[in-house]
All heavy atoms as atom14 arrays in JSON, in Angstrom:
{
  "sequence": "GLRNDVKVMVGGAPVTQSFCDSISADAYSQDAAGAAEVARTFVSCN",
  "atom14_mask": [
    [1, 1, 1, 1, 0, 0, 0, 0, 0, 0, 0, 0, 0, 0],
    [1, 1, 1, 1, 1, 1, 1, 1, 0, 0, 0, 0, 0, 0],
    [1, 1, 1, 1, 1, 1, 1, 1, 1, 1, 1, 0, 0, 0],
    [1, 1, 1, 1, 1, 1, 1, 1, 0, 0, 0, 0, 0, 0],
    [1, 1, 1, 1, 1, 1, 1, 1, 0, 0, 0, 0, 0, 0],
    [1, 1, 1, 1, 1, 1, 1, 0, 0, 0, 0, 0, 0, 0],
    [1, 1, 1, 1, 1, 1, 1, 1, 1, 0, 0, 0, 0, 0],
    [1, 1, 1, 1, 1, 1, 1, 0, 0, 0, 0, 0, 0, 0],
    [1, 1, 1, 1, 1, 1, 1, 1, 0, 0, 0, 0, 0, 0],
    [1, 1, 1, 1, 1, 1, 1, 0, 0, 0, 0, 0, 0, 0],
    [1, 1, 1, 1, 0, 0, 0, 0, 0, 0, 0, 0, 0, 0],
    [1, 1, 1, 1, 0, 0, 0, 0, 0, 0, 0, 0, 0, 0],
    [1, 1, 1, 1, 1, 0, 0, 0, 0, 0, 0, 0, 0, 0],
    [1, 1, 1, 1, 1, 1, 1, 0, 0, 0, 0, 0, 0, 0],
    [1, 1, 1, 1, 1, 1, 1, 0, 0, 0, 0, 0, 0, 0],
    [1, 1, 1, 1, 1, 1, 1, 0, 0, 0, 0, 0, 0, 0],
    [1, 1, 1, 1, 1, 1, 1, 1, 1, 0, 0, 0, 0, 0],
    [1, 1, 1, 1, 1, 1, 0, 0, 0, 0, 0, 0, 0, 0],
    [1, 1, 1, 1, 1, 1, 1, 1, 1, 1, 1, 0, 0, 0],
    [1, 1, 1, 1, 1, 1, 0, 0, 0, 0, 0, 0, 0, 0],
    [1, 1, 1, 1, 1, 1, 1, 1, 0, 0, 0, 0, 0, 0],
    [1, 1, 1, 1, 1, 1, 0, 0, 0, 0, 0, 0, 0, 0],
    [1, 1, 1, 1, 1, 1, 1, 1, 0, 0, 0, 0, 0, 0],
    [1, 1, 1, 1, 1, 1, 0, 0, 0, 0, 0, 0, 0, 0],
    [1, 1, 1, 1, 1, 0, 0, 0, 0, 0, 0, 0, 0, 0],
    [1, 1, 1, 1, 1, 1, 1, 1, 0, 0, 0, 0, 0, 0],
    [1, 1, 1, 1, 1, 0, 0, 0, 0, 0, 0, 0, 0, 0],
    [1, 1, 1, 1, 1, 1, 1, 1, 1, 1, 1, 1, 0, 0],
    [1, 1, 1, 1, 1, 1, 0, 0, 0, 0, 0, 0, 0, 0],
    [1, 1, 1, 1, 1, 1, 1, 1, 1, 0, 0, 0, 0, 0],
    [1, 1, 1, 1, 1, 1, 1, 1, 0, 0, 0, 0, 0, 0],
    [1, 1, 1, 1, 1, 0, 0, 0, 0, 0, 0, 0, 0, 0],
    [1, 1, 1, 1, 1, 0, 0, 0, 0, 0, 0, 0, 0, 0],
    [1, 1, 1, 1, 0, 0, 0, 0, 0, 0, 0, 0, 0, 0],
    [1, 1, 1, 1, 1, 0, 0, 0, 0, 0, 0, 0, 0, 0],
    [1, 1, 1, 1, 1, 0, 0, 0, 0, 0, 0, 0, 0, 0],
    [1, 1, 1, 1, 1, 1, 1, 1, 1, 0, 0, 0, 0, 0],
    [1, 1, 1, 1, 1, 1, 1, 0, 0, 0, 0, 0, 0, 0],
    [1, 1, 1, 1, 1, 0, 0, 0, 0, 0, 0, 0, 0, 0],
    [1, 1, 1, 1, 1, 1, 1, 1, 1, 1, 1, 0, 0, 0],
    [1, 1, 1, 1, 1, 1, 1, 0, 0, 0, 0, 0, 0, 0],
    [1, 1, 1, 1, 1, 1, 1, 1, 1, 1, 1, 0, 0, 0],
    [1, 1, 1, 1, 1, 1, 1, 0, 0, 0, 0, 0, 0, 0],
    [1, 1, 1, 1, 1, 1, 0, 0, 0, 0, 0, 0, 0, 0],
    [1, 1, 1, 1, 1, 1, 0, 0, 0, 0, 0, 0, 0, 0],
    [1, 1, 1, 1, 1, 1, 1, 1, 0, 0, 0, 0, 0, 0]
  ],
  "atom14_positions": [
    [[0.83, -1.23, -0.03], [0.03, 0.01, 0.03], [0.81, 1.26, 0.0], [0.3, 2.39, 0.43], [0.0, 0.0, 0.0], [0.0, 0.0, 0.0], [0.0, 0.0, 0.0], [0.0, 0.0, 0.0], [0.0, 0.0, 0.0], [0.0, 0.0, 0.0], [0.0, 0.0, 0.0], [0.0, 0.0, 0.0], [0.0, 0.0, 0.0], [0.0, 0.0, 0.0]],
    [[2.07, 1.14, -0.49], [3.01, 2.3, -0.46], [3.29, 2.88, -1.85], [3.98, 3.92, -1.89], [4.35, 1.88, 0.17], [4.34, 1.37, 1.6], [5.67, 0.8, 1.99], [4.03, 2.57, 2.56], [0.0, 0.0, 0.0], [0.0, 0.0, 0.0], [0.0, 0.0, 0.0], [0.0, 0.0, 0.0], [0.0, 0.0, 0.0], [0.0, 0.0, 0.0]],
    [[2.78, 2.26, -2.9], [3.22, 2.7, -4.26], [2.88, 4.16, -4.54], [3.65, 4.84, -5.2], [2.54, 1.79, -5.28], [2.88, 2.14, -6.7], [4.41, 1.92, -6.99], [4.79, 2.4, -8.3], [5.26, 3.61, -8.58], [5.36, 4.52, -7.56], [5.6, 3.98, -9.76], [0.0, 0.0, 0.0], [0.0, 0.0, 0.0], [0.0, 0.0, 0.0]],
    [[1.73, 4.67, -4.05], [1.4, 6.04, -4.33], [2.11, 7.07, -3.48], [1.92, 8.23, -3.68], [-0.14, 6.19, -4.24], [-0.89, 5.42, -5.23], [-0.41, 5.21, -6.36], [-2.14, 4.99, -4.9], [0.0, 0.0, 0.0], [0.0, 0.0, 0.0], [0.0, 0.0, 0.0], [0.0, 0.0, 0.0], [0.0, 0.0, 0.0], [0.0, 0.0, 0.0]],
    [[2.89, 6.51, -2.49], [3.52, 7.44, -1.52], [4.95, 7.83, -1.99], [5.58, 8.69, -1.35], [3.63, 6.78, -0.14], [2.28, 6.52, 0.43], [1.32, 7.18, 0.03], [2.18, 5.61, 1.34], [0.0, 0.0, 0.0], [0.0, 0.0, 0.0], [0.0, 0.0, 0.0], [0.0, 0.0, 0.0], [0.0, 0.0, 0.0], [0.0, 0.0, 0.0]],
    [[5.46, 7.14, -3.02], [6.86, 7.41, -3.4], [7.06, 7.32, -4.92], [6.39, 6.49, -5.6], [7.81, 6.33, -2.72], [7.48, 4.91, -3.17], [9.28, 6.68, -2.92], [0.0, 0.0, 0.0], [0.0, 0.0, 0.0], [0.0, 0.0, 0.0], [0.0, 0.0, 0.0], [0.0, 0.0, 0.0], [0.0, 0.0, 0.0], [0.0, 0.0, 0.0]],
    [[7.86, 8.19, -5.49], [8.19, 8.13, -6.97], [9.29, 7.1, -7.05], [10.25, 7.13, -6.34], [8.64, 9.52, -7.41], [7.6, 10.6, -7.37], [6.41, 10.33, -8.33], [5.52, 11.46, -8.38], [4.31, 11.19, -9.29], [0.0, 0.0, 0.0], [0.0, 0.0, 0.0], [0.0, 0.0, 0.0], [0.0, 0.0, 0.0], [0.0, 0.0, 0.0]],
    [[9.14, 6.24, -8.03], [10.16, 5.2, -8.3], [10.95, 5.52, -9.58], [10.35, 5.66, -10.66], [9.55, 3.81, -8.34], [10.63, 2.77, -8.61], [8.79, 3.51, -7.09], [0.0, 0.0, 0.0], [0.0, 0.0, 0.0], [0.0, 0.0, 0.0], [0.0, 0.0, 0.0], [0.0, 0.0, 0.0], [0.0, 0.0, 0.0], [0.0, 0.0, 0.0]],
    [[12.27, 5.67, -9.41], [13.1, 5.94, -10.57], [13.99, 4.64, -10.8], [14.49, 4.07, -9.81], [14.0, 7.12, -10.33], [13.28, 8.4, -10.25], [14.35, 9.83, -9.85], [15.49, 9.82, -11.27], [0.0, 0.0, 0.0], [0.0, 0.0, 0.0], [0.0, 0.0, 0.0], [0.0, 0.0, 0.0], [0.0, 0.0, 0.0], [0.0, 0.0, 0.0]],
    [[14.17, 4.31, -12.07], [14.99, 3.08, -12.38], [16.11, 3.5, -13.25], [16.04, 4.36, -14.07], [14.12, 1.95, -12.96], [13.11, 1.47, -11.96], [13.39, 2.42, -14.25], [0.0, 0.0, 0.0], [0.0, 0.0, 0.0], [0.0, 0.0, 0.0], [0.0, 0.0, 0.0], [0.0, 0.0, 0.0], [0.0, 0.0, 0.0], [0.0, 0.0, 0.0]],
    [[17.19, 2.72, -13.24], [18.33, 2.92, -14.12], [19.27, 1.76, -14.07], [19.11, 0.74, -13.33], [0.0, 0.0, 0.0], [0.0, 0.0, 0.0], [0.0, 0.0, 0.0], [0.0, 0.0, 0.0], [0.0, 0.0, 0.0], [0.0, 0.0, 0.0], [0.0, 0.0, 0.0], [0.0, 0.0, 0.0], [0.0, 0.0, 0.0], [0.0, 0.0, 0.0]],
    [[20.31, 1.87, -14.93], [21.31, 0.82, -15.06], [21.49, 0.46, -16.52], [20.64, 0.78, -17.36], [0.0, 0.0, 0.0], [0.0, 0.0, 0.0], [0.0, 0.0, 0.0], [0.0, 0.0, 0.0], [0.0, 0.0, 0.0], [0.0, 0.0, 0.0], [0.0, 0.0, 0.0], [0.0, 0.0, 0.0], [0.0, 0.0, 0.0], [0.0, 0.0, 0.0]],
    [[22.65, -0.12, -16.86], [22.99, -0.33, -18.27], [21.94, -0.97, -19.13], [21.66, -0.53, -20.28], [24.34, -1.19, -18.33], [0.0, 0.0, 0.0], [0.0, 0.0, 0.0], [0.0, 0.0, 0.0], [0.0, 0.0, 0.0], [0.0, 0.0, 0.0], [0.0, 0.0, 0.0], [0.0, 0.0, 0.0], [0.0, 0.0, 0.0], [0.0, 0.0, 0.0]],
    [[21.23, -2.06, -18.67], [20.3, -2.7, -19.59], [18.87, -2.09, -19.57], [18.0, -2.38, -20.38], [20.2, -4.13, -19.07], [20.44, -4.01, -17.59], [21.39, -2.81, -17.43], [0.0, 0.0, 0.0], [0.0, 0.0, 0.0], [0.0, 0.0, 0.0], [0.0, 0.0, 0.0], [0.0, 0.0, 0.0], [0.0, 0.0, 0.0], [0.0, 0.0, 0.0]],
    [[18.68, -1.12, -18.63], [17.39, -0.48, -18.44], [17.13, 0.55, -19.53], [17.99, 1.31, -19.91], [17.24, 0.1, -17.07], [15.84, 0.71, -16.83], [17.5, -0.96, -16.03], [0.0, 0.0, 0.0], [0.0, 0.0, 0.0], [0.0, 0.0, 0.0], [0.0, 0.0, 0.0], [0.0, 0.0, 0.0], [0.0, 0.0, 0.0], [0.0, 0.0, 0.0]],
    [[15.88, 0.59, -20.03], [15.47, 1.52, -21.1], [14.2, 2.25, -20.67], [13.52, 1.83, -19.73], [15.22, 0.79, -22.38], [14.11, -0.12, -22.19], [16.42, 0.08, -22.89], [0.0, 0.0, 0.0], [0.0, 0.0, 0.0], [0.0, 0.0, 0.0], [0.0, 0.0, 0.0], [0.0, 0.0, 0.0], [0.0, 0.0, 0.0], [0.0, 0.0, 0.0]],
    [[13.85, 3.27, -21.4], [12.61, 3.98, -21.11], [11.36, 3.03, -21.38], [10.42, 3.07, -20.57], [12.42, 5.22, -22.02], [11.17, 6.08, -21.76], [11.18, 6.61, -20.4], [12.08, 7.39, -20.03], [10.12, 6.41, -19.62], [0.0, 0.0, 0.0], [0.0, 0.0, 0.0], [0.0, 0.0, 0.0], [0.0, 0.0, 0.0], [0.0, 0.0, 0.0]],
    [[11.46, 2.2, -22.35], [10.33, 1.27, -22.65], [10.2, 0.25, -21.52], [9.05, -0.11, -21.07], [10.46, 0.59, -23.94], [11.65, -0.2, -24.0], [0.0, 0.0, 0.0], [0.0, 0.0, 0.0], [0.0, 0.0, 0.0], [0.0, 0.0, 0.0], [0.0, 0.0, 0.0], [0.0, 0.0, 0.0], [0.0, 0.0, 0.0], [0.0, 0.0, 0.0]],
    [[11.27, -0.21, -20.92], [11.25, -1.13, -19.75], [10.65, -0.42, -18.55], [9.79, -0.92, -17.84], [12.59, -1.68, -19.41], [12.6, -2.57, -18.24], [12.14, -3.86, -18.28], [13.15, -2.09, -16.99], [12.08, -4.7, -17.18], [13.13, -2.93, -15.81], [12.63, -4.21, -15.94], [0.0, 0.0, 0.0], [0.0, 0.0, 0.0], [0.0, 0.0, 0.0]],
    [[11.07, 0.82, -18.36], [10.53, 1.72, -17.25], [9.05, 1.8, -17.39], [8.29, 1.6, -16.39], [11.2, 3.11, -17.33], [10.4, 4.32, -16.32], [0.0, 0.0, 0.0], [0.0, 0.0, 0.0], [0.0, 0.0, 0.0], [0.0, 0.0, 0.0], [0.0, 0.0, 0.0], [0.0, 0.0, 0.0], [0.0, 0.0, 0.0], [0.0, 0.0, 0.0]],
    [[8.57, 2.05, -18.59], [7.1, 2.14, -18.8], [6.42, 0.82, -18.56], [5.32, 0.82, -17.98], [6.83, 2.63, -20.22], [7.37, 4.03, -20.55], [7.62, 4.8, -19.54], [7.62, 4.38, -21.7], [0.0, 0.0, 0.0], [0.0, 0.0, 0.0], [0.0, 0.0, 0.0], [0.0, 0.0, 0.0], [0.0, 0.0, 0.0], [0.0, 0.0, 0.0]],
    [[7.04, -0.25, -19.02], [6.42, -1.57, -18.91], [6.19, -2.0, -17.47], [5.33, -2.85, -17.15], [7.21, -2.62, -19.63], [8.35, -3.01, -18.94], [0.0, 0.0, 0.0], [0.0, 0.0, 0.0], [0.0, 0.0, 0.0], [0.0, 0.0, 0.0], [0.0, 0.0, 0.0], [0.0, 0.0, 0.0], [0.0, 0.0, 0.0], [0.0, 0.0, 0.0]],
    [[7.02, -1.59, -16.53], [6.95, -1.99, -15.14], [6.23, -0.9, -14.28], [6.18, -1.0, -13.04], [8.32, -2.34, -14.47], [9.25, -1.16, -14.41], [8.9, -3.46, -15.25], [10.52, -1.39, -13.62], [0.0, 0.0, 0.0], [0.0, 0.0, 0.0], [0.0, 0.0, 0.0], [0.0, 0.0, 0.0], [0.0, 0.0, 0.0], [0.0, 0.0, 0.0]],
    [[5.75, 0.19, -15.0], [5.09, 1.33, -14.31], [5.86, 2.05, -13.33], [5.4, 2.5, -12.26], [3.74, 0.76, -13.64], [2.9, 0.2, -14.61], [0.0, 0.0, 0.0], [0.0, 0.0, 0.0], [0.0, 0.0, 0.0], [0.0, 0.0, 0.0], [0.0, 0.0, 0.0], [0.0, 0.0, 0.0], [0.0, 0.0, 0.0], [0.0, 0.0, 0.0]],
    [[7.2, 2.18, -13.63], [8.05, 3.02, -12.79], [7.75, 4.51, -13.21], [7.14, 4.75, -14.27], [9.57, 2.75, -13.03], [0.0, 0.0, 0.0], [0.0, 0.0, 0.0], [0.0, 0.0, 0.0], [0.0, 0.0, 0.0], [0.0, 0.0, 0.0], [0.0, 0.0, 0.0], [0.0, 0.0, 0.0], [0.0, 0.0, 0.0], [0.0, 0.0, 0.0]],
    [[8.13, 5.46, -12.39], [7.81, 6.84, -12.64], [8.75, 7.54, -13.53], [8.38, 8.57, -14.22], [7.66, 7.59, -11.32], [6.55, 7.11, -10.46], [5.4, 7.26, -10.89], [6.82, 6.54, -9.42], [0.0, 0.0, 0.0], [0.0, 0.0, 0.0], [0.0, 0.0, 0.0], [0.0, 0.0, 0.0], [0.0, 0.0, 0.0], [0.0, 0.0, 0.0]],
    [[10.04, 7.04, -13.56], [11.04, 7.79, -14.39], [12.24, 6.84, -14.65], [12.54, 5.94, -13.86], [11.48, 9.08, -13.66], [0.0, 0.0, 0.0], [0.0, 0.0, 0.0], [0.0, 0.0, 0.0], [0.0, 0.0, 0.0], [0.0, 0.0, 0.0], [0.0, 0.0, 0.0], [0.0, 0.0, 0.0], [0.0, 0.0, 0.0], [0.0, 0.0, 0.0]],
    [[12.95, 7.15, -15.72], [14.16, 6.49, -16.1], [15.16, 7.58, -16.53], [14.79, 8.59, -17.11], [13.92, 5.5, -17.27], [15.17, 5.21, -18.08], [16.12, 4.31, -17.65], [15.37, 5.88, -19.39], [17.23, 4.05, -18.36], [16.49, 5.64, -20.07], [17.45, 4.7, -19.6], [18.56, 4.46, -20.3], [0.0, 0.0, 0.0], [0.0, 0.0, 0.0]],
    [[16.45, 7.34, -16.14], [17.5, 8.2, -16.65], [18.68, 7.36, -17.07], [18.98, 6.39, -16.42], [17.92, 9.24, -15.58], [19.02, 10.04, -16.15], [0.0, 0.0, 0.0], [0.0, 0.0, 0.0], [0.0, 0.0, 0.0], [0.0, 0.0, 0.0], [0.0, 0.0, 0.0], [0.0, 0.0, 0.0], [0.0, 0.0, 0.0], [0.0, 0.0, 0.0]],
    [[19.29, 7.77, -18.14], [20.39, 6.94, -18.64], [21.76, 7.36, -18.04], [22.74, 6.73, -18.2], [20.51, 7.01, -20.21], [20.85, 8.43, -20.75], [20.92, 8.34, -22.22], [20.66, 7.4, -22.9], [21.35, 9.54, -22.81], [0.0, 0.0, 0.0], [0.0, 0.0, 0.0], [0.0, 0.0, 0.0], [0.0, 0.0, 0.0], [0.0, 0.0, 0.0]],
    [[21.71, 8.46, -17.28], [22.97, 8.87, -16.66], [22.71, 9.56, -15.31], [21.56, 9.97, -15.0], [23.83, 9.79, -17.51], [23.06, 11.1, -17.94], [22.66, 11.8, -17.04], [22.89, 11.32, -19.17], [0.0, 0.0, 0.0], [0.0, 0.0, 0.0], [0.0, 0.0, 0.0], [0.0, 0.0, 0.0], [0.0, 0.0, 0.0], [0.0, 0.0, 0.0]],
    [[23.74, 9.73, -14.54], [23.66, 10.23, -13.12], [23.14, 11.7, -13.09], [22.31, 12.05, -12.24], [24.97, 10.08, -12.41], [0.0, 0.0, 0.0], [0.0, 0.0, 0.0], [0.0, 0.0, 0.0], [0.0, 0.0, 0.0], [0.0, 0.0, 0.0], [0.0, 0.0, 0.0], [0.0, 0.0, 0.0], [0.0, 0.0, 0.0], [0.0, 0.0, 0.0]],
    [[23.71, 12.5, -13.95], [23.33, 13.89, -13.97], [21.82, 14.07, -14.33], [21.09, 14.86, -13.7], [24.23, 14.67, -14.95], [0.0, 0.0, 0.0], [0.0, 0.0, 0.0], [0.0, 0.0, 0.0], [0.0, 0.0, 0.0], [0.0, 0.0, 0.0], [0.0, 0.0, 0.0], [0.0, 0.0, 0.0], [0.0, 0.0, 0.0], [0.0, 0.0, 0.0]],
    [[21.41, 13.26, -15.31], [20.0, 13.31, -15.72], [19.06, 12.86, -14.57], [18.04, 13.41, -14.42], [0.0, 0.0, 0.0], [0.0, 0.0, 0.0], [0.0, 0.0, 0.0], [0.0, 0.0, 0.0], [0.0, 0.0, 0.0], [0.0, 0.0, 0.0], [0.0, 0.0, 0.0], [0.0, 0.0, 0.0], [0.0, 0.0, 0.0], [0.0, 0.0, 0.0]],
    [[19.53, 11.86, -13.84], [18.7, 11.34, -12.68], [18.49, 12.46, -11.63], [17.37, 12.56, -11.15], [19.46, 10.14, -12.04], [0.0, 0.0, 0.0], [0.0, 0.0, 0.0], [0.0, 0.0, 0.0], [0.0, 0.0, 0.0], [0.0, 0.0, 0.0], [0.0, 0.0, 0.0], [0.0, 0.0, 0.0], [0.0, 0.0, 0.0], [0.0, 0.0, 0.0]],
    [[19.48, 13.24, -11.37], [19.41, 14.35, -10.42], [18.37, 15.38, -10.93], [17.55, 15.92, -10.17], [20.77, 14.98, -10.17], [0.0, 0.0, 0.0], [0.0, 0.0, 0.0], [0.0, 0.0, 0.0], [0.0, 0.0, 0.0], [0.0, 0.0, 0.0], [0.0, 0.0, 0.0], [0.0, 0.0, 0.0], [0.0, 0.0, 0.0], [0.0, 0.0, 0.0]],
    [[18.43, 15.7, -12.25], [17.55, 16.62, -12.82], [16.09, 16.16, -12.7], [15.15, 16.89, -12.36], [17.89, 16.84, -14.31], [19.15, 17.63, -14.52], [19.6, 17.62, -15.98], [18.73, 17.28, -16.84], [20.76, 17.9, -16.19], [0.0, 0.0, 0.0], [0.0, 0.0, 0.0], [0.0, 0.0, 0.0], [0.0, 0.0, 0.0], [0.0, 0.0, 0.0]],
    [[15.84, 14.91, -12.99], [14.5, 14.33, -12.89], [13.99, 14.38, -11.47], [12.87, 14.79, -11.23], [14.47, 12.89, -13.47], [13.1, 12.26, -13.14], [14.78, 12.89, -14.96], [0.0, 0.0, 0.0], [0.0, 0.0, 0.0], [0.0, 0.0, 0.0], [0.0, 0.0, 0.0], [0.0, 0.0, 0.0], [0.0, 0.0, 0.0], [0.0, 0.0, 0.0]],
    [[14.89, 13.98, -10.53], [14.51, 13.98, -9.13], [14.1, 15.39, -8.66], [13.07, 15.52, -7.89], [15.7, 13.45, -8.26], [0.0, 0.0, 0.0], [0.0, 0.0, 0.0], [0.0, 0.0, 0.0], [0.0, 0.0, 0.0], [0.0, 0.0, 0.0], [0.0, 0.0, 0.0], [0.0, 0.0, 0.0], [0.0, 0.0, 0.0], [0.0, 0.0, 0.0]],
    [[14.76, 16.38, -9.08], [14.44, 17.73, -8.74], [13.04, 18.15, -9.19], [12.29, 18.81, -8.55], [15.45, 18.75, -9.31], [16.76, 18.76, -8.57], [17.68, 19.85, -9.09], [17.3, 21.17, -8.67], [17.85, 21.82, -7.66], [18.85, 21.27, -7.04], [17.43, 23.02, -7.31], [0.0, 0.0, 0.0], [0.0, 0.0, 0.0], [0.0, 0.0, 0.0]],
    [[12.67, 17.64, -10.41], [11.33, 17.99, -10.9], [10.26, 17.34, -10.05], [9.19, 17.94, -9.85], [11.14, 17.55, -12.4], [11.17, 16.08, -12.39], [12.2, 18.08, -13.27], [0.0, 0.0, 0.0], [0.0, 0.0, 0.0], [0.0, 0.0, 0.0], [0.0, 0.0, 0.0], [0.0, 0.0, 0.0], [0.0, 0.0, 0.0], [0.0, 0.0, 0.0]],
    [[10.55, 16.15, -9.47], [9.48, 15.53, -8.66], [9.29, 16.28, -7.34], [8.16, 16.49, -6.99], [9.99, 14.09, -8.27], [9.84, 13.06, -9.41], [10.75, 12.07, -9.65], [8.66, 13.08, -10.15], [10.58, 11.13, -10.62], [8.49, 12.2, -11.21], [9.48, 11.23, -11.47], [0.0, 0.0, 0.0], [0.0, 0.0, 0.0], [0.0, 0.0, 0.0]],
    [[10.31, 16.8, -6.7], [10.13, 17.54, -5.48], [9.63, 18.96, -5.74], [8.98, 19.53, -4.87], [11.38, 17.56, -4.57], [11.68, 16.19, -4.08], [12.56, 18.13, -5.26], [0.0, 0.0, 0.0], [0.0, 0.0, 0.0], [0.0, 0.0, 0.0], [0.0, 0.0, 0.0], [0.0, 0.0, 0.0], [0.0, 0.0, 0.0], [0.0, 0.0, 0.0]],
    [[9.94, 19.52, -6.9], [9.49, 20.93, -7.21], [7.99, 20.88, -7.51], [7.28, 21.85, -7.45], [10.22, 21.49, -8.44], [9.95, 20.8, -9.56], [0.0, 0.0, 0.0], [0.0, 0.0, 0.0], [0.0, 0.0, 0.0], [0.0, 0.0, 0.0], [0.0, 0.0, 0.0], [0.0, 0.0, 0.0], [0.0, 0.0, 0.0], [0.0, 0.0, 0.0]],
    [[7.48, 19.67, -7.81], [5.99, 19.58, -8.07], [5.17, 19.45, -6.73], [3.98, 19.53, -6.82], [5.71, 18.35, -8.92], [6.42, 18.39, -10.59], [0.0, 0.0, 0.0], [0.0, 0.0, 0.0], [0.0, 0.0, 0.0], [0.0, 0.0, 0.0], [0.0, 0.0, 0.0], [0.0, 0.0, 0.0], [0.0, 0.0, 0.0], [0.0, 0.0, 0.0]],
    [[5.91, 19.17, -5.65], [5.2, 18.99, -4.4], [4.7, 20.3, -3.86], [5.2, 21.27, -4.05], [6.11, 18.37, -3.35], [6.46, 16.91, -3.74], [5.71, 16.29, -4.56], [7.5, 16.33, -3.08], [0.0, 0.0, 0.0], [0.0, 0.0, 0.0], [0.0, 0.0, 0.0], [0.0, 0.0, 0.0], [0.0, 0.0, 0.0], [0.0, 0.0, 0.0]]
  ]
}
């Protein structure tokens, strides 16, 4: 019962945006800098 309480970001060499979408994760980034940018957008929306 926690899924709606947290944004889930996925990453790693074999992970893709389509895989992210298929498992219903909230975001994917292919690099560390991009991950930080995406994370900032999540908290700025709060």
